[in-house]
Amino acid sequence: MNKKLNFFLVIFLFVSLFFSYTVIADNLQEKVIINGNYTTITLNQEIGKDIGWEYEIEDKNIVEIAKKSYINKMKTTDDNSLKDISTWYIKGISTGKTIIKFNLMDKKTDQILNTIKYCIRVKPNKIQVIKGNLIEISLTENHSTGFTWHVNKKDNNIVKIHHDIFIKPETEPGFVGKSGIHYWYIQGLNKGETELIFDLYQDWNKESIKRTKKYIIEVK
């Protein structure tokens, strides 16, 4: 009888540990970016006086915080309101992976009220995407100078630009002339490999290319 009881006790502990580790793993969110590109992390949780987010980067050689923005209140399309929206713009500076931990701190007591973790994977400029899926490429643009990125595809049958969006820089005093971030979402159409070339130039001066970035896209 004792043997049976011990056996079921071991099974119970194993199942309990399994589900506890599953919960911990699910709490770790993941983002993948290309070396030199950007991604965003947005946290929406109401914060009060003396309460705010602090972050820790496990390996500062992999990513850096390019900037942070905060919106006190924002209306949504369904007439609801979101409060206390904090956004961090994360730049990949070396290939590899690291953890960014965001702690919601009570600054009076140094108590941690909430913790959110992200695993950031920084990949090299050769990108793999499954047919039908999307990948994200992001580059900084400074519209005040007229310089914008223009995309050239070597093979139109392998990938397409699904959509793109430009995030304007902060418009507070002192931010005039700052760069925003342009995001492109590339969809894999057919299996194969192609090259995307991004040229930075002014529309009225196409012959004078200031910078070029190339990405190899492999559709699997």
C-alpha atoms as a PDB file:
ATOM      1  CA  MET A   1       0.000   0.000   0.000  1.00  0.00           C
ATOM      2  CA  ASN A   2       2.834   2.355   0.902  1.00  0.00           C
ATOM      3  CA  LYS A   3       4.486   1.659  -2.454  1.00  0.00           C
ATOM      4  CA  LYS A   4       1.296   2.608  -4.298  1.00  0.00           C
ATOM      5  CA  LEU A   5       0.908   5.738  -2.200  1.00  0.00           C
ATOM      6  CA  ASN A   6       4.504   6.748  -2.880  1.00  0.00           C
ATOM      7  CA  PHE A   7       4.049   6.104  -6.589  1.00  0.00           C
ATOM      8  CA  PHE A   8       0.959   8.349  -6.812  1.00  0.00           C
ATOM      9  CA  LEU A   9       2.703  10.985  -4.720  1.00  0.00           C
ATOM     10  CA  VAL A  10       5.641  11.043  -7.157  1.00  0.00           C
ATOM     11  CA  ILE A  11       3.246  11.295 -10.125  1.00  0.00           C
ATOM     12  CA  PHE A  12       1.381  14.166  -8.419  1.00  0.00           C
ATOM     13  CA  LEU A  13       4.604  16.067  -7.771  1.00  0.00           C
ATOM     14  CA  PHE A  14       5.758  15.512 -11.351  1.00  0.00           C
ATOM     15  CA  VAL A  15       2.468  16.803 -12.782  1.00  0.00           C
ATOM     16  CA  SER A  16       2.535  19.794 -10.421  1.00  0.00           C
ATOM     17  CA  LEU A  17       6.085  20.675 -11.443  1.00  0.00           C
ATOM     18  CA  PHE A  18       5.248  20.257 -15.124  1.00  0.00           C
ATOM     19  CA  PHE A  19       2.338  22.696 -14.968  1.00  0.00           C
ATOM     20  CA  SER A  20       4.275  25.151 -12.828  1.00  0.00           C
ATOM     21  CA  TYR A  21       7.099  25.222 -15.401  1.00  0.00           C
ATOM     22  CA  THR A  22       4.542  25.564 -18.205  1.00  0.00           C
ATOM     23  CA  VAL A  23       3.076  28.679 -16.559  1.00  0.00           C
ATOM     24  CA  ILE A  24       6.542  30.181 -16.131  1.00  0.00           C
ATOM     25  CA  ALA A  25       7.426  29.462 -19.770  1.00  0.00           C
ATOM     26  CA  ASP A  26       4.151  30.991 -20.996  1.00  0.00           C
ATOM     27  CA  ASN A  27       4.968  34.158 -19.055  1.00  0.00           C
ATOM     28  CA  LEU A  28       8.069  34.669 -21.204  1.00  0.00           C
ATOM     29  CA  GLN A  29       7.031  36.445 -24.393  1.00  0.00           C
ATOM     30  CA  GLU A  30       9.269  36.373 -27.444  1.00  0.00           C
ATOM     31  CA  LYS A  31      10.187  38.813 -30.207  1.00  0.00           C
ATOM     32  CA  VAL A  32      12.525  38.281 -33.162  1.00  0.00           C
ATOM     33  CA  ILE A  33      14.302  41.165 -34.901  1.00  0.00           C
ATOM     34  CA  ILE A  34      17.044  41.535 -37.489  1.00  0.00           C
ATOM     35  CA  ASN A  35      20.419  42.876 -36.439  1.00  0.00           C
ATOM     36  CA  GLY A  36      20.348  46.673 -36.774  1.00  0.00           C
ATOM     37  CA  ASN A  37      16.555  46.799 -36.837  1.00  0.00           C
ATOM     38  CA  TYR A  38      13.960  47.795 -34.261  1.00  0.00           C
ATOM     39  CA  THR A  39      10.971  46.296 -32.531  1.00  0.00           C
ATOM     40  CA  THR A  40       8.593  47.708 -29.929  1.00  0.00           C
ATOM     41  CA  ILE A  41       7.396  46.512 -26.550  1.00  0.00           C
ATOM     42  CA  THR A  42       4.210  48.174 -25.315  1.00  0.00           C
ATOM     43  CA  LEU A  43       2.845  47.740 -21.796  1.00  0.00           C
ATOM     44  CA  ASN A  44      -0.612  48.982 -20.890  1.00  0.00           C
ATOM     45  CA  GLN A  45      -1.226  49.015 -17.161  1.00  0.00           C
ATOM     46  CA  GLU A  46      -2.571  51.832 -15.043  1.00  0.00           C
ATOM     47  CA  ILE A  47       0.147  53.384 -12.915  1.00  0.00           C
ATOM     48  CA  GLY A  48      -0.205  55.935 -10.160  1.00  0.00           C
ATOM     49  CA  LYS A  49       1.987  58.360  -8.297  1.00  0.00           C
ATOM     50  CA  ASP A  50       5.379  56.884  -7.321  1.00  0.00           C
ATOM     51  CA  ILE A  51       4.670  53.781  -9.418  1.00  0.00           C
ATOM     52  CA  GLY A  52       6.445  53.166 -12.722  1.00  0.00           C
ATOM     53  CA  TRP A  53       8.173  50.641 -14.971  1.00  0.00           C
ATOM     54  CA  GLU A  54      11.869  49.832 -14.728  1.00  0.00           C
ATOM     55  CA  TYR A  55      13.711  47.465 -17.059  1.00  0.00           C
ATOM     56  CA  GLU A  56      16.745  45.197 -16.884  1.00  0.00           C
ATOM     57  CA  ILE A  57      18.575  43.882 -19.972  1.00  0.00           C
ATOM     58  CA  GLU A  58      20.351  40.591 -19.361  1.00  0.00           C
ATOM     59  CA  ASP A  59      22.942  41.086 -22.127  1.00  0.00           C
ATOM     60  CA  LYS A  60      23.432  44.709 -23.187  1.00  0.00           C
ATOM     61  CA  ASN A  61      25.636  43.591 -26.106  1.00  0.00           C
ATOM     62  CA  ILE A  62      22.576  42.124 -27.897  1.00  0.00           C
ATOM     63  CA  VAL A  63      19.998  44.938 -27.720  1.00  0.00           C
ATOM     64  CA  GLU A  64      19.652  48.505 -26.549  1.00  0.00           C
ATOM     65  CA  ILE A  65      16.719  50.792 -25.736  1.00  0.00           C
ATOM     66  CA  ALA A  66      16.675  53.406 -28.504  1.00  0.00           C
ATOM     67  CA  LYS A  67      13.950  55.482 -26.856  1.00  0.00           C
ATOM     68  CA  LYS A  68      10.799  55.294 -24.745  1.00  0.00           C
ATOM     69  CA  SER A  69       7.427  56.972 -25.178  1.00  0.00           C
ATOM     70  CA  TYR A  70       4.454  57.345 -22.843  1.00  0.00           C
ATOM     71  CA  ILE A  71       0.803  58.120 -23.565  1.00  0.00           C
ATOM     72  CA  ASN A  72      -1.388  59.043 -20.618  1.00  0.00           C
ATOM     73  CA  LYS A  73      -4.676  58.225 -22.322  1.00  0.00           C
ATOM     74  CA  MET A  74      -5.730  57.016 -25.779  1.00  0.00           C
ATOM     75  CA  LYS A  75      -9.171  56.485 -27.313  1.00  0.00           C
ATOM     76  CA  THR A  76      -9.769  53.260 -29.250  1.00  0.00           C
ATOM     77  CA  THR A  77     -11.995  52.741 -32.278  1.00  0.00           C
ATOM     78  CA  ASP A  78     -14.728  51.224 -30.075  1.00  0.00           C
ATOM     79  CA  ASP A  79     -14.853  54.378 -27.913  1.00  0.00           C
ATOM     80  CA  ASN A  80     -13.030  52.768 -24.993  1.00  0.00           C
ATOM     81  CA  SER A  81      -9.993  54.357 -23.372  1.00  0.00           C
ATOM     82  CA  LEU A  82      -6.550  52.947 -22.701  1.00  0.00           C
ATOM     83  CA  LYS A  83      -4.515  54.559 -19.927  1.00  0.00           C
ATOM     84  CA  ASP A  84      -0.807  54.651 -19.148  1.00  0.00           C
ATOM     85  CA  ILE A  85       0.631  53.210 -22.365  1.00  0.00           C
ATOM     86  CA  SER A  86       4.404  52.818 -22.146  1.00  0.00           C
ATOM     87  CA  THR A  87       6.366  51.862 -25.284  1.00  0.00           C
ATOM     88  CA  TRP A  88      10.033  50.970 -25.570  1.00  0.00           C
ATOM     89  CA  TYR A  89      11.818  50.971 -28.955  1.00  0.00           C
ATOM     90  CA  ILE A  90      14.323  48.109 -28.937  1.00  0.00           C
ATOM     91  CA  LYS A  91      17.269  48.012 -31.365  1.00  0.00           C
ATOM     92  CA  GLY A  92      19.216  44.857 -32.203  1.00  0.00           C
ATOM     93  CA  ILE A  93      22.948  45.591 -32.027  1.00  0.00           C
ATOM     94  CA  SER A  94      24.395  42.060 -32.193  1.00  0.00           C
ATOM     95  CA  THR A  95      23.124  38.592 -33.107  1.00  0.00           C
ATOM     96  CA  GLY A  96      22.052  36.331 -30.253  1.00  0.00           C
ATOM     97  CA  LYS A  97      19.312  36.342 -27.638  1.00  0.00           C
ATOM     98  CA  THR A  98      18.730  38.097 -24.347  1.00  0.00           C
ATOM     99  CA  ILE A  99      16.014  38.662 -21.761  1.00  0.00           C
ATOM    100  CA  ILE A 100      14.484  42.051 -20.976  1.00  0.00           C
ATOM    101  CA  LYS A 101      12.640  42.141 -17.657  1.00  0.00           C
ATOM    102  CA  PHE A 102      10.128  44.906 -16.948  1.00  0.00           C
ATOM    103  CA  ASN A 103       9.307  45.469 -13.280  1.00  0.00           C
ATOM    104  CA  LEU A 104       6.411  47.643 -12.170  1.00  0.00           C
ATOM    105  CA  MET A 105       7.902  49.287  -9.093  1.00  0.00           C
ATOM    106  CA  ASP A 106       6.455  51.071  -6.109  1.00  0.00           C
ATOM    107  CA  LYS A 107       9.250  53.613  -5.754  1.00  0.00           C
ATOM    108  CA  LYS A 108       8.351  54.462  -2.175  1.00  0.00           C
ATOM    109  CA  THR A 109       8.740  50.905  -0.892  1.00  0.00           C
ATOM    110  CA  ASP A 110      10.924  49.393  -3.683  1.00  0.00           C
ATOM    111  CA  GLN A 111       8.296  46.668  -3.966  1.00  0.00           C
ATOM    112  CA  ILE A 112       7.832  44.882  -7.302  1.00  0.00           C
ATOM    113  CA  LEU A 113       4.117  44.929  -8.157  1.00  0.00           C
ATOM    114  CA  ASN A 114       4.320  43.093 -11.488  1.00  0.00           C
ATOM    115  CA  THR A 115       6.988  41.564 -13.743  1.00  0.00           C
ATOM    116  CA  ILE A 116       6.836  40.963 -17.506  1.00  0.00           C
ATOM    117  CA  LYS A 117       9.681  39.240 -19.351  1.00  0.00           C
ATOM    118  CA  TYR A 118      10.565  39.248 -23.051  1.00  0.00           C
ATOM    119  CA  CYS A 119      13.063  37.038 -24.825  1.00  0.00           C
ATOM    120  CA  ILE A 120      14.552  39.045 -27.721  1.00  0.00           C
ATOM    121  CA  ARG A 121      16.246  37.074 -30.500  1.00  0.00           C
ATOM    122  CA  VAL A 122      18.420  39.082 -32.888  1.00  0.00           C
ATOM    123  CA  LYS A 123      18.980  37.378 -36.232  1.00  0.00           C
ATOM    124  CA  PRO A 124      21.469  38.144 -39.003  1.00  0.00           C
ATOM    125  CA  ASN A 125      20.377  39.879 -42.193  1.00  0.00           C
ATOM    126  CA  LYS A 126      19.524  36.565 -43.878  1.00  0.00           C
ATOM    127  CA  ILE A 127      15.922  35.913 -42.919  1.00  0.00           C
ATOM    128  CA  GLN A 128      13.872  32.753 -43.225  1.00  0.00           C
ATOM    129  CA  VAL A 129      10.100  32.889 -43.507  1.00  0.00           C
ATOM    130  CA  ILE A 130       7.506  30.164 -44.014  1.00  0.00           C
ATOM    131  CA  LYS A 131       5.413  30.529 -47.160  1.00  0.00           C
ATOM    132  CA  GLY A 132       2.363  32.685 -46.394  1.00  0.00           C
ATOM    133  CA  ASN A 133       3.836  34.134 -43.191  1.00  0.00           C
ATOM    134  CA  LEU A 134       5.127  37.649 -42.515  1.00  0.00           C
ATOM    135  CA  ILE A 135       8.471  38.977 -41.316  1.00  0.00           C
ATOM    136  CA  GLU A 136       9.231  42.493 -40.092  1.00  0.00           C
ATOM    137  CA  ILE A 137      12.039  44.782 -41.267  1.00  0.00           C
ATOM    138  CA  SER A 138      12.473  48.187 -39.625  1.00  0.00           C
ATOM    139  CA  LEU A 139      14.761  51.121 -40.427  1.00  0.00           C
ATOM    140  CA  THR A 140      15.024  54.679 -39.113  1.00  0.00           C
ATOM    141  CA  GLU A 141      13.893  57.543 -41.344  1.00  0.00           C
ATOM    142  CA  ASN A 142      14.220  61.271 -40.829  1.00  0.00           C
ATOM    143  CA  HIS A 143      11.462  62.883 -42.886  1.00  0.00           C
ATOM    144  CA  SER A 144      12.614  66.372 -41.961  1.00  0.00           C
ATOM    145  CA  THR A 145      15.640  65.844 -44.270  1.00  0.00           C
ATOM    146  CA  GLY A 146      13.617  64.304 -47.105  1.00  0.00           C
ATOM    147  CA  PHE A 147      15.581  61.038 -46.980  1.00  0.00           C
ATOM    148  CA  THR A 148      13.355  57.950 -47.155  1.00  0.00           C
ATOM    149  CA  TRP A 149      13.974  54.259 -47.804  1.00  0.00           C
ATOM    150  CA  HIS A 150      12.961  52.755 -51.149  1.00  0.00           C
ATOM    151  CA  VAL A 151      12.646  48.986 -51.617  1.00  0.00           C
ATOM    152  CA  ASN A 152      13.793  47.012 -54.655  1.00  0.00           C
ATOM    153  CA  LYS A 153      12.969  43.295 -55.082  1.00  0.00           C
ATOM    154  CA  LYS A 154      15.042  41.091 -57.367  1.00  0.00           C
ATOM    155  CA  ASP A 155      12.289  38.480 -57.741  1.00  0.00           C
ATOM    156  CA  ASN A 156       8.632  39.519 -57.443  1.00  0.00           C
ATOM    157  CA  ASN A 157       7.421  35.876 -57.313  1.00  0.00           C
ATOM    158  CA  ILE A 158       9.085  34.960 -54.003  1.00  0.00           C
ATOM    159  CA  VAL A 159       8.047  37.767 -51.623  1.00  0.00           C
ATOM    160  CA  LYS A 160       5.867  40.851 -51.567  1.00  0.00           C
ATOM    161  CA  ILE A 161       5.459  43.918 -49.360  1.00  0.00           C
ATOM    162  CA  HIS A 162       2.284  43.038 -47.462  1.00  0.00           C
ATOM    163  CA  HIS A 163       2.083  46.493 -45.800  1.00  0.00           C
ATOM    164  CA  ASP A 164       4.280  49.122 -44.196  1.00  0.00           C
ATOM    165  CA  ILE A 165       3.915  51.826 -41.546  1.00  0.00           C
ATOM    166  CA  PHE A 166       5.964  54.810 -40.418  1.00  0.00           C
ATOM    167  CA  ILE A 167       6.019  55.661 -36.692  1.00  0.00           C
ATOM    168  CA  LYS A 168       6.641  59.375 -36.276  1.00  0.00           C
ATOM    169  CA  PRO A 169       9.155  60.598 -33.698  1.00  0.00           C
ATOM    170  CA  GLU A 170       7.990  62.272 -30.517  1.00  0.00           C
ATOM    171  CA  THR A 171       6.758  65.814 -31.152  1.00  0.00           C
ATOM    172  CA  GLU A 172       7.710  67.309 -27.805  1.00  0.00           C
ATOM    173  CA  PRO A 173       9.902  70.430 -27.812  1.00  0.00           C
ATOM    174  CA  GLY A 174      13.455  69.484 -28.651  1.00  0.00           C
ATOM    175  CA  PHE A 175      12.468  66.537 -30.846  1.00  0.00           C
ATOM    176  CA  VAL A 176      12.249  68.473 -34.115  1.00  0.00           C
ATOM    177  CA  GLY A 177      14.322  66.757 -36.776  1.00  0.00           C
ATOM    178  CA  LYS A 178      14.474  63.430 -34.944  1.00  0.00           C
ATOM    179  CA  SER A 179      14.141  60.139 -36.790  1.00  0.00           C
ATOM    180  CA  GLY A 180      11.074  57.940 -36.815  1.00  0.00           C
ATOM    181  CA  ILE A 181      10.951  54.221 -37.543  1.00  0.00           C
ATOM    182  CA  HIS A 182       9.647  52.714 -40.785  1.00  0.00           C
ATOM    183  CA  TYR A 183       8.325  49.126 -40.549  1.00  0.00           C
ATOM    184  CA  TRP A 184       7.861  46.831 -43.571  1.00  0.00           C
ATOM    185  CA  TYR A 185       5.977  43.544 -43.322  1.00  0.00           C
ATOM    186  CA  ILE A 186       7.224  41.098 -45.940  1.00  0.00           C
ATOM    187  CA  GLN A 187       5.123  38.074 -46.927  1.00  0.00           C
ATOM    188  CA  GLY A 188       6.572  34.857 -48.339  1.00  0.00           C
ATOM    189  CA  LEU A 189       4.801  33.886 -51.575  1.00  0.00           C
ATOM    190  CA  ASN A 190       6.734  30.945 -53.028  1.00  0.00           C
ATOM    191  CA  LYS A 191       9.676  28.811 -51.923  1.00  0.00           C
ATOM    192  CA  GLY A 192      13.060  30.168 -52.917  1.00  0.00           C
ATOM    193  CA  GLU A 193      15.570  32.860 -52.077  1.00  0.00           C
ATOM    194  CA  THR A 194      15.603  36.504 -53.103  1.00  0.00           C
ATOM    195  CA  GLU A 195      17.233  39.771 -52.164  1.00  0.00           C
ATOM    196  CA  LEU A 196      15.606  42.933 -50.869  1.00  0.00           C
ATOM    197  CA  ILE A 197      17.591  46.129 -51.359  1.00  0.00           C
ATOM    198  CA  PHE A 198      16.719  49.237 -49.349  1.00  0.00           C
ATOM    199  CA  ASP A 199      18.173  52.486 -50.724  1.00  0.00           C
ATOM    200  CA  LEU A 200      18.027  55.715 -48.713  1.00  0.00           C
ATOM    201  CA  TYR A 201      17.676  58.819 -50.869  1.00  0.00           C
ATOM    202  CA  GLN A 202      15.583  61.930 -51.451  1.00  0.00           C
ATOM    203  CA  ASP A 203      12.772  61.524 -53.978  1.00  0.00           C
ATOM    204  CA  TRP A 204      14.026  64.475 -56.035  1.00  0.00           C
ATOM    205  CA  ASN A 205      17.608  63.189 -56.034  1.00  0.00           C
ATOM    206  CA  LYS A 206      17.418  59.463 -56.805  1.00  0.00           C
ATOM    207  CA  GLU A 207      20.944  59.343 -58.183  1.00  0.00           C
ATOM    208  CA  SER A 208      22.440  60.309 -54.828  1.00  0.00           C
ATOM    209  CA  ILE A 209      21.966  57.261 -52.585  1.00  0.00           C
ATOM    210  CA  LYS A 210      23.035  57.989 -49.029  1.00  0.00           C
ATOM    211  CA  ARG A 211      22.872  54.438 -47.688  1.00  0.00           C
ATOM    212  CA  THR A 212      21.994  50.902 -48.832  1.00  0.00           C
ATOM    213  CA  LYS A 213      20.900  47.878 -46.815  1.00  0.00           C
ATOM    214  CA  LYS A 214      20.483  44.382 -48.259  1.00  0.00           C
ATOM    215  CA  TYR A 215      18.514  41.447 -46.887  1.00  0.00           C
ATOM    216  CA  ILE A 216      18.459  37.881 -48.163  1.00  0.00           C
ATOM    217  CA  ILE A 217      14.974  36.400 -47.758  1.00  0.00           C
ATOM    218  CA  GLU A 218      14.547  32.623 -47.892  1.00  0.00           C
ATOM    219  CA  VAL A 219      10.984  31.356 -48.211  1.00  0.00           C
ATOM    220  CA  LYS A 220      10.566  27.792 -46.946  1.00  0.00           C
END
